[in-house]
Amino acid sequence: SPSSLPSAHFQGSVHVQALD
């Protein structure tokens, strides 16, 4: 998944988005 997404918008899913 694109890790360039705003981490602020994905406070909880940011880790999953980055690892995925």
PDB file of N, CA and C in Angstrom:
ATOM      1  N   SER A   1       0.844  -1.211   0.000  1.00  0.00           N
ATOM      2  CA  SER A   1       0.000   0.000   0.000  1.00  0.00           C
ATOM      3  C   SER A   1       0.874   1.253   0.000  1.00  0.00           C
ATOM      4  N   PRO A   2       0.371   2.339  -0.581  1.00  0.00           N
ATOM      5  CA  PRO A   2       1.133   3.604  -0.638  1.00  0.00           C
ATOM      6  C   PRO A   2       1.346   4.188   0.749  1.00  0.00           C
ATOM      7  N   SER A   3       2.589   4.245   1.195  1.00  0.00           N
ATOM      8  CA  SER A   3       2.901   4.767   2.522  1.00  0.00           C
ATOM      9  C   SER A   3       3.005   6.282   2.502  1.00  0.00           C
ATOM     10  N   SER A   4       2.747   6.896   1.343  1.00  0.00           N
ATOM     11  CA  SER A   4       2.843   8.342   1.200  1.00  0.00           C
ATOM     12  C   SER A   4       1.593   9.042   1.729  1.00  0.00           C
ATOM     13  N   LEU A   5       0.616   8.246   2.154  1.00  0.00           N
ATOM     14  CA  LEU A   5      -0.613   8.820   2.678  1.00  0.00           C
ATOM     15  C   LEU A   5      -0.344   9.522   4.009  1.00  0.00           C
ATOM     16  N   PRO A   6      -1.123  10.562   4.318  1.00  0.00           N
ATOM     17  CA  PRO A   6      -0.932  11.310   5.564  1.00  0.00           C
ATOM     18  C   PRO A   6      -1.133  10.421   6.790  1.00  0.00           C
ATOM     19  N   SER A   7      -0.095  10.288   7.593  1.00  0.00           N
ATOM     20  CA  SER A   7      -0.161   9.440   8.778  1.00  0.00           C
ATOM     21  C   SER A   7      -1.175   9.984   9.778  1.00  0.00           C
ATOM     22  N   ALA A   8      -1.401  11.298   9.736  1.00  0.00           N
ATOM     23  CA  ALA A   8      -2.355  11.932  10.642  1.00  0.00           C
ATOM     24  C   ALA A   8      -3.765  11.393  10.384  1.00  0.00           C
ATOM     25  N   HIS A   9      -4.030  11.081   9.114  1.00  0.00           N
ATOM     26  CA  HIS A   9      -5.341  10.570   8.739  1.00  0.00           C
ATOM     27  C   HIS A   9      -5.459   9.097   9.126  1.00  0.00           C
ATOM     28  N   PHE A  10      -4.333   8.442   9.242  1.00  0.00           N
ATOM     29  CA  PHE A  10      -4.312   7.029   9.604  1.00  0.00           C
ATOM     30  C   PHE A  10      -3.503   6.826  10.888  1.00  0.00           C
ATOM     31  N   GLN A  11      -3.948   7.453  11.955  1.00  0.00           N
ATOM     32  CA  GLN A  11      -3.234   7.352  13.228  1.00  0.00           C
ATOM     33  C   GLN A  11      -3.102   5.894  13.668  1.00  0.00           C
ATOM     34  N   GLY A  12      -4.159   5.111  13.476  1.00  0.00           N
ATOM     35  CA  GLY A  12      -4.122   3.722  13.897  1.00  0.00           C
ATOM     36  C   GLY A  12      -3.725   2.794  12.763  1.00  0.00           C
ATOM     37  N   SER A  13      -4.234   3.074  11.559  1.00  0.00           N
ATOM     38  CA  SER A  13      -3.977   2.194  10.423  1.00  0.00           C
ATOM     39  C   SER A  13      -2.683   2.537   9.700  1.00  0.00           C
ATOM     40  N   VAL A  14      -2.031   3.607  10.148  1.00  0.00           N
ATOM     41  CA  VAL A  14      -0.798   4.051   9.489  1.00  0.00           C
ATOM     42  C   VAL A  14       0.241   2.944   9.504  1.00  0.00           C
ATOM     43  N   HIS A  15       0.311   2.216  10.619  1.00  0.00           N
ATOM     44  CA  HIS A  15       1.296   1.144  10.740  1.00  0.00           C
ATOM     45  C   HIS A  15       0.957   0.005   9.774  1.00  0.00           C
ATOM     46  N   VAL A  16      -0.312  -0.323   9.686  1.00  0.00           N
ATOM     47  CA  VAL A  16      -0.755  -1.395   8.805  1.00  0.00           C
ATOM     48  C   VAL A  16      -0.548  -0.997   7.352  1.00  0.00           C
ATOM     49  N   GLN A  17      -0.851   0.262   7.022  1.00  0.00           N
ATOM     50  CA  GLN A  17      -0.680   0.758   5.658  1.00  0.00           C
ATOM     51  C   GLN A  17       0.786   0.714   5.258  1.00  0.00           C
ATOM     52  N   ALA A  18       1.648   1.060   6.191  1.00  0.00           N
ATOM     53  CA  ALA A  18       3.080   1.113   5.897  1.00  0.00           C
ATOM     54  C   ALA A  18       3.643  -0.305   5.738  1.00  0.00           C
ATOM     55  N   LEU A  19       3.204  -1.219   6.594  1.00  0.00           N
ATOM     56  CA  LEU A  19       3.711  -2.585   6.557  1.00  0.00           C
ATOM     57  C   LEU A  19       3.124  -3.360   5.383  1.00  0.00           C
ATOM     58  N   ASP A  20       1.881  -3.040   5.026  1.00  0.00           N
ATOM     59  CA  ASP A  20       1.217  -3.777   3.956  1.00  0.00           C
ATOM     60  C   ASP A  20       1.939  -3.524   2.645  1.00  0.00           C
TER      61      ASP A  20
END
